[in-house]
Amino acid sequence: MSRKGGLARGQGLNALIKSGDRDIKEAVEEAEKNGVLEIDIKLIETNPDQPRKVFDEDEIKGLAESIKENGLINPITLREKDGKYQIISGERRFRAFKFLERNKVPALVLKNIADSKMLELTLVENIQRADLNAIEIARSYKKLIYDLNIKQEELANRVGKSRSAVSNSMRILDLSENIQNMILQGKLTEGHARAILSLPNEKERENFAKVIVEKNYSVRECERIVKEKKEAKNIQNKQTTKKDPNIKKLENDLEKIFSTKVNVIDKNGKEGKIIIEYYSSDDLSRIMDMLDNIDLERNSEKPKLEY
């Protein structure tokens, strides 16, 4: 272990040093006094409570090339434990150094940090760096609340966020695992997730998430679509309360045939329109094929419907 000058301190330490926890504050202050140290990479262990579970290999290689060209701007943050070191933050940088086959890595080292405080430290450091995506943060919040047996308000104080920010973040965990994975993979953003959460049921959410990825919708476009869906739903609910029982039966029969939502709007008993909803391009193709088959069964000589 040797000293190294010239590197900026970990950005997350700016938040940690303001911590109300005396042990953490003292450990951070001591780490800053000791400065950046060169730590033998063989003595460093990854953090089992690391919120980030997915590491992009191409991203690691790109970071390694940047470090090779420009050096490391910010050191990683470690805690000393039983003669070895455990990563608090900077696992991507650590992996990049391993890729470069370096023997040592610049680090700020915190001492006398209990296991129970590791996740909290890791989460705060990574949040300050904006190193985590929405799912990783929400899952970490949930784990902290469970492990520490605290309420959202206390957690918010500990991580330097408002209670509403913590609450809104954790709402993302109400989404299905499939949609959460899309967020983890970077296919959907937190803004997309909040728009999806506005939909009332899981099937609608799943279908809408697929459409967003397929069409590459912006968050603003998603919010507009959700707003339109809600307005249409309100209109439909008002119409449903006044619908003739025969019209309702027709809707139910058509929904069974097409396996999707169908709305029959009767204007005056003589004219109206039938709306068949679809939620993806595959869904539309399926409905078109059904309509084509119905048409062919009625008259085999008629040409196929085109859309």
Protein backbone atom coordinates (compact mmCIF):
# COMPACT_ATOMS: atom_id res chain seq x y z
CA MET A 1 0.00 0.00 0.00
CA SER A 2 1.43 3.36 -1.02
CA ARG A 3 0.25 6.96 -1.23
CA LYS A 4 -0.70 8.67 -4.45
CA GLY A 5 -1.36 12.37 -5.00
CA GLY A 6 -3.22 14.33 -7.65
CA LEU A 7 -6.59 12.55 -7.68
CA ALA A 8 -9.89 14.07 -6.63
CA ARG A 9 -11.60 12.57 -3.61
CA GLY A 10 -14.61 10.33 -4.18
CA GLN A 11 -17.60 12.49 -5.12
CA GLY A 12 -19.88 10.51 -2.81
CA LEU A 13 -17.70 11.42 0.17
CA ASN A 14 -19.13 14.92 -0.04
CA ALA A 15 -22.42 13.39 1.12
CA LEU A 16 -20.94 10.84 3.49
CA ILE A 17 -18.96 13.41 5.43
CA LYS A 18 -22.28 15.16 6.26
CA SER A 19 -23.68 11.93 7.66
CA GLY A 20 -25.24 12.03 11.11
CA ASP A 21 -23.56 8.68 11.86
CA ARG A 22 -20.49 9.43 13.98
CA ASP A 23 -18.58 6.29 12.92
CA ILE A 24 -19.09 7.03 9.22
CA LYS A 25 -18.15 10.69 9.61
CA GLU A 26 -14.97 9.85 11.51
CA ALA A 27 -14.02 7.15 8.99
CA VAL A 28 -14.49 9.56 6.07
CA GLU A 29 -12.49 12.32 7.76
CA GLU A 30 -9.64 9.88 8.47
CA ALA A 31 -9.72 8.61 4.86
CA GLU A 32 -9.42 12.17 3.58
CA LYS A 33 -6.46 12.86 5.88
CA ASN A 34 -4.71 9.70 4.65
CA GLY A 35 -5.38 10.70 1.04
CA VAL A 36 -5.50 8.42 -1.99
CA LEU A 37 -3.66 5.14 -1.48
CA GLU A 38 -2.35 2.58 -3.98
CA ILE A 39 -3.98 -0.72 -2.97
CA ASP A 40 -2.87 -4.15 -4.15
CA ILE A 41 -5.66 -5.32 -6.43
CA LYS A 42 -5.37 -8.90 -5.12
CA LEU A 43 -6.43 -7.72 -1.67
CA ILE A 44 -9.68 -6.16 -2.94
CA GLU A 45 -13.00 -8.00 -2.76
CA THR A 46 -16.26 -7.03 -4.43
CA ASN A 47 -19.19 -5.96 -2.28
CA PRO A 48 -21.94 -8.61 -1.86
CA ASP A 49 -24.40 -5.75 -1.24
CA GLN A 50 -23.45 -3.95 -4.46
CA PRO A 51 -26.73 -2.49 -5.81
CA ARG A 52 -25.52 -2.78 -9.41
CA LYS A 53 -26.00 -6.35 -10.59
CA VAL A 54 -25.45 -5.87 -14.34
CA PHE A 55 -22.06 -4.84 -15.72
CA ASP A 56 -21.70 -4.23 -19.45
CA GLU A 57 -18.43 -5.77 -20.65
CA ASP A 58 -18.13 -3.34 -23.57
CA GLU A 59 -18.61 -0.46 -21.14
CA ILE A 60 -15.85 -1.88 -18.89
CA LYS A 61 -13.49 -2.17 -21.85
CA GLY A 62 -14.29 1.39 -22.93
CA LEU A 63 -13.62 2.63 -19.40
CA ALA A 64 -10.34 0.68 -19.36
CA GLU A 65 -9.24 2.39 -22.57
CA SER A 66 -10.12 5.78 -21.09
CA ILE A 67 -8.12 5.03 -17.94
CA LYS A 68 -5.21 3.81 -20.02
CA GLU A 69 -5.27 7.03 -22.05
CA ASN A 70 -6.15 9.62 -19.40
CA GLY A 71 -5.58 7.94 -16.04
CA LEU A 72 -8.13 7.59 -13.23
CA ILE A 73 -9.85 10.87 -12.36
CA ASN A 74 -11.67 9.65 -9.23
CA PRO A 75 -10.36 6.88 -6.94
CA ILE A 76 -12.51 3.97 -5.90
CA THR A 77 -13.75 3.87 -2.29
CA LEU A 78 -12.94 0.88 -0.08
CA ARG A 79 -13.39 -0.22 3.50
CA GLU A 80 -10.67 -2.10 5.32
CA LYS A 81 -11.76 -5.47 6.71
CA ASP A 82 -9.60 -8.24 8.21
CA GLY A 83 -6.47 -7.14 6.39
CA LYS A 84 -8.27 -6.92 3.06
CA TYR A 85 -10.46 -4.35 1.36
CA GLN A 86 -14.09 -4.35 0.22
CA ILE A 87 -15.48 -2.07 -2.47
CA ILE A 88 -17.91 0.62 -1.31
CA SER A 89 -18.10 2.24 -4.73
CA GLY A 90 -16.20 2.05 -8.00
CA GLU A 91 -16.62 -1.58 -9.02
CA ARG A 92 -16.64 -0.65 -12.72
CA ARG A 93 -13.34 1.18 -12.28
CA PHE A 94 -11.99 -1.80 -10.32
CA ARG A 95 -13.02 -4.17 -13.14
CA ALA A 96 -11.40 -1.86 -15.69
CA PHE A 97 -8.10 -1.99 -13.75
CA LYS A 98 -8.32 -5.80 -13.69
CA PHE A 99 -8.93 -5.79 -17.44
CA LEU A 100 -5.77 -3.70 -17.85
CA GLU A 101 -3.95 -6.23 -15.63
CA ARG A 102 -2.79 -3.50 -13.26
CA ASN A 103 -1.35 -4.61 -9.93
CA LYS A 104 -2.63 -1.67 -7.88
CA VAL A 105 -5.60 0.70 -7.94
CA PRO A 106 -5.93 4.21 -6.41
CA ALA A 107 -8.43 4.24 -3.55
CA LEU A 108 -9.74 6.11 -0.54
CA VAL A 109 -9.91 3.70 2.39
CA LEU A 110 -12.49 3.87 5.21
CA LYS A 111 -11.72 2.02 8.43
CA ASN A 112 -13.88 0.69 11.27
CA ILE A 113 -17.05 0.41 9.17
CA ALA A 114 -19.52 -2.26 10.34
CA ASP A 115 -21.10 -4.75 7.92
CA SER A 116 -24.55 -3.31 8.76
CA LYS A 117 -23.52 0.07 7.31
CA MET A 118 -22.04 -1.17 4.03
CA LEU A 119 -25.19 -1.07 1.89
CA GLU A 120 -26.05 2.40 3.14
CA LEU A 121 -22.53 3.63 2.34
CA THR A 122 -22.54 1.99 -1.06
CA LEU A 123 -25.96 3.35 -1.95
CA VAL A 124 -25.19 6.95 -0.93
CA GLU A 125 -21.85 6.96 -2.76
CA ASN A 126 -23.37 5.56 -5.95
CA ILE A 127 -26.40 7.88 -5.83
CA GLN A 128 -24.10 10.89 -5.58
CA ARG A 129 -22.23 9.65 -8.65
CA ALA A 130 -25.50 8.87 -10.48
CA ASP A 131 -23.99 5.43 -11.07
CA LEU A 132 -27.20 3.47 -10.50
CA ASN A 133 -30.36 3.18 -12.54
CA ALA A 134 -33.87 3.49 -11.13
CA ILE A 135 -34.38 -0.23 -10.40
CA GLU A 136 -31.04 -0.62 -8.64
CA ILE A 137 -31.81 2.36 -6.42
CA ALA A 138 -35.37 1.21 -5.65
CA ARG A 139 -34.24 -2.32 -4.76
CA SER A 140 -31.51 -0.91 -2.51
CA TYR A 141 -34.04 1.32 -0.74
CA LYS A 142 -36.28 -1.70 -0.14
CA LYS A 143 -33.39 -3.78 1.20
CA LEU A 144 -32.25 -0.98 3.51
CA ILE A 145 -35.74 -0.51 4.93
CA TYR A 146 -35.98 -4.25 5.59
CA ASP A 147 -32.43 -4.76 6.91
CA LEU A 148 -32.40 -1.68 9.13
CA ASN A 149 -36.10 -1.96 10.11
CA ILE A 150 -36.69 1.73 9.42
CA LYS A 151 -39.42 3.77 7.73
CA GLN A 152 -39.19 5.63 4.44
CA GLU A 153 -38.81 8.97 6.19
CA GLU A 154 -35.74 7.84 8.15
CA LEU A 155 -34.26 6.25 5.04
CA ALA A 156 -34.75 9.50 3.14
CA ASN A 157 -32.80 11.38 5.82
CA ARG A 158 -29.98 8.83 5.70
CA VAL A 159 -29.52 8.93 1.93
CA GLY A 160 -30.05 12.68 1.55
CA LYS A 161 -33.34 12.49 -0.39
CA SER A 162 -36.86 13.73 0.25
CA ARG A 163 -39.43 11.24 1.49
CA SER A 164 -41.48 11.70 -1.69
CA ALA A 165 -38.41 10.96 -3.82
CA VAL A 166 -37.85 7.69 -1.96
CA SER A 167 -41.54 6.78 -2.15
CA ASN A 168 -41.77 7.53 -5.88
CA SER A 169 -38.59 5.58 -6.52
CA MET A 170 -39.90 2.48 -4.76
CA ARG A 171 -43.17 2.57 -6.72
CA ILE A 172 -41.19 1.31 -9.71
CA LEU A 173 -40.97 -2.05 -7.96
CA ASP A 174 -44.75 -2.38 -8.53
CA LEU A 175 -43.92 -3.05 -12.18
CA SER A 176 -43.55 -6.63 -13.39
CA GLU A 177 -40.14 -8.29 -13.35
CA ASN A 178 -40.11 -8.21 -17.15
CA ILE A 179 -40.50 -4.42 -17.25
CA GLN A 180 -37.96 -4.00 -14.44
CA ASN A 181 -35.47 -5.96 -16.54
CA MET A 182 -36.11 -3.60 -19.46
CA ILE A 183 -35.14 -0.71 -17.18
CA LEU A 184 -32.04 -2.54 -15.96
CA GLN A 185 -31.02 -3.16 -19.58
CA GLY A 186 -31.44 0.52 -20.42
CA LYS A 187 -34.36 -0.06 -22.80
CA LEU A 188 -36.68 2.04 -20.61
CA THR A 189 -35.93 5.06 -18.42
CA GLU A 190 -37.35 6.05 -15.06
CA GLY A 191 -39.61 8.54 -16.88
CA HIS A 192 -40.97 5.75 -19.06
CA ALA A 193 -41.55 3.65 -15.94
CA ARG A 194 -43.63 6.36 -14.28
CA ALA A 195 -45.78 6.72 -17.39
CA ILE A 196 -46.32 2.95 -17.48
CA LEU A 197 -47.29 2.95 -13.80
CA SER A 198 -50.19 5.25 -14.66
CA LEU A 199 -51.89 2.35 -16.45
CA PRO A 200 -54.27 0.35 -14.22
CA ASN A 201 -53.38 -3.29 -14.88
CA GLU A 202 -50.37 -5.48 -15.61
CA LYS A 203 -51.45 -6.59 -19.08
CA GLU A 204 -51.78 -2.99 -20.29
CA ARG A 205 -48.43 -2.13 -18.72
CA GLU A 206 -46.67 -5.09 -20.35
CA ASN A 207 -48.11 -4.32 -23.78
CA PHE A 208 -47.34 -0.61 -23.51
CA ALA A 209 -43.74 -1.29 -22.41
CA LYS A 210 -43.19 -3.45 -25.50
CA VAL A 211 -44.63 -0.73 -27.74
CA ILE A 212 -42.37 1.93 -26.15
CA VAL A 213 -39.27 -0.13 -26.88
CA GLU A 214 -40.46 -1.10 -30.35
CA LYS A 215 -41.40 2.45 -31.38
CA ASN A 216 -38.63 4.16 -29.36
CA TYR A 217 -41.14 6.54 -27.80
CA SER A 218 -39.88 9.48 -25.76
CA VAL A 219 -41.13 10.01 -22.21
CA ARG A 220 -43.26 12.94 -23.40
CA GLU A 221 -44.90 10.79 -26.09
CA CYS A 222 -45.63 8.11 -23.49
CA GLU A 223 -47.23 10.63 -21.17
CA ARG A 224 -49.42 11.91 -24.02
CA ILE A 225 -50.53 8.38 -24.95
CA VAL A 226 -51.36 7.52 -21.33
CA LYS A 227 -53.36 10.74 -21.01
CA GLU A 228 -55.33 9.90 -24.16
CA LYS A 229 -55.97 6.37 -22.88
CA LYS A 230 -57.33 7.73 -19.62
CA GLU A 231 -59.59 10.22 -21.40
CA ALA A 232 -60.90 7.49 -23.69
CA LYS A 233 -61.48 5.24 -20.68
CA ASN A 234 -63.49 7.96 -18.93
CA ILE A 235 -65.65 8.47 -22.02
CA GLN A 236 -66.12 4.72 -22.33
CA ASN A 237 -67.12 4.38 -18.67
CA LYS A 238 -69.74 7.10 -19.08
CA GLN A 239 -71.10 5.40 -22.19
CA THR A 240 -71.08 1.97 -20.57
CA THR A 241 -73.43 3.04 -17.80
CA LYS A 242 -76.02 4.05 -20.41
CA LYS A 243 -75.50 1.20 -22.88
CA ASP A 244 -78.27 -1.05 -24.05
CA PRO A 245 -77.88 -4.62 -22.67
CA ASN A 246 -77.78 -5.92 -26.25
CA ILE A 247 -74.85 -3.62 -27.06
CA LYS A 248 -72.99 -4.81 -23.96
CA LYS A 249 -73.59 -8.43 -24.97
CA LEU A 250 -72.26 -7.69 -28.46
CA GLU A 251 -69.11 -6.16 -26.93
CA ASN A 252 -68.57 -9.21 -24.74
CA ASP A 253 -69.03 -11.58 -27.67
CA LEU A 254 -66.58 -9.63 -29.84
CA GLU A 255 -64.03 -9.46 -27.03
CA LYS A 256 -64.13 -13.25 -26.73
CA ILE A 257 -63.60 -13.58 -30.49
CA PHE A 258 -60.71 -11.10 -30.78
CA SER A 259 -59.20 -11.60 -27.29
CA THR A 260 -58.91 -7.87 -26.77
CA LYS A 261 -60.96 -4.87 -25.64
CA VAL A 262 -63.84 -3.98 -27.98
CA ASN A 263 -66.01 -0.88 -27.67
CA VAL A 264 -69.30 -0.60 -29.56
CA ILE A 265 -70.52 2.99 -29.79
CA ASP A 266 -74.17 3.20 -30.79
CA LYS A 267 -75.27 6.68 -31.86
CA ASN A 268 -79.00 6.34 -32.52
CA GLY A 269 -79.83 2.67 -32.90
CA LYS A 270 -79.11 2.86 -36.62
CA GLU A 271 -75.45 3.81 -36.87
CA GLY A 272 -72.27 3.82 -34.79
CA LYS A 273 -68.82 2.33 -34.77
CA ILE A 274 -66.89 -0.64 -33.41
CA ILE A 275 -63.43 0.00 -31.91
CA ILE A 276 -61.09 -2.99 -31.61
CA GLU A 277 -58.06 -2.16 -29.49
CA TYR A 278 -54.54 -3.52 -30.08
CA TYR A 279 -51.38 -3.04 -28.02
CA SER A 280 -48.50 -3.91 -30.33
CA SER A 281 -47.69 -4.52 -34.00
CA ASP A 282 -47.96 -8.28 -33.39
CA ASP A 283 -51.36 -7.78 -31.81
CA LEU A 284 -52.52 -5.76 -34.83
CA SER A 285 -51.27 -8.43 -37.24
CA ARG A 286 -53.15 -11.09 -35.29
CA ILE A 287 -56.42 -9.14 -35.50
CA MET A 288 -55.91 -8.39 -39.22
CA ASP A 289 -55.38 -12.11 -39.91
CA MET A 290 -58.60 -12.92 -38.06
CA LEU A 291 -60.53 -10.34 -40.11
CA ASP A 292 -59.03 -11.68 -43.35
CA ASN A 293 -60.03 -15.23 -42.42
CA ILE A 294 -63.59 -14.16 -41.57
CA ASP A 295 -63.85 -12.40 -44.94
CA LEU A 296 -62.54 -15.41 -46.85
CA GLU A 297 -64.94 -17.76 -45.10
CA ARG A 298 -67.88 -15.61 -46.20
CA ASN A 299 -66.78 -15.39 -49.80
CA SER A 300 -63.75 -17.32 -50.99
CA GLU A 301 -63.62 -15.23 -54.17
CA LYS A 302 -63.33 -11.88 -52.41
CA PRO A 303 -59.81 -10.42 -52.19
CA LYS A 304 -58.06 -10.22 -48.82
CA LEU A 305 -58.54 -7.10 -46.77
CA GLU A 306 -55.65 -4.65 -46.96
CA TYR A 307 -54.67 -2.09 -44.30
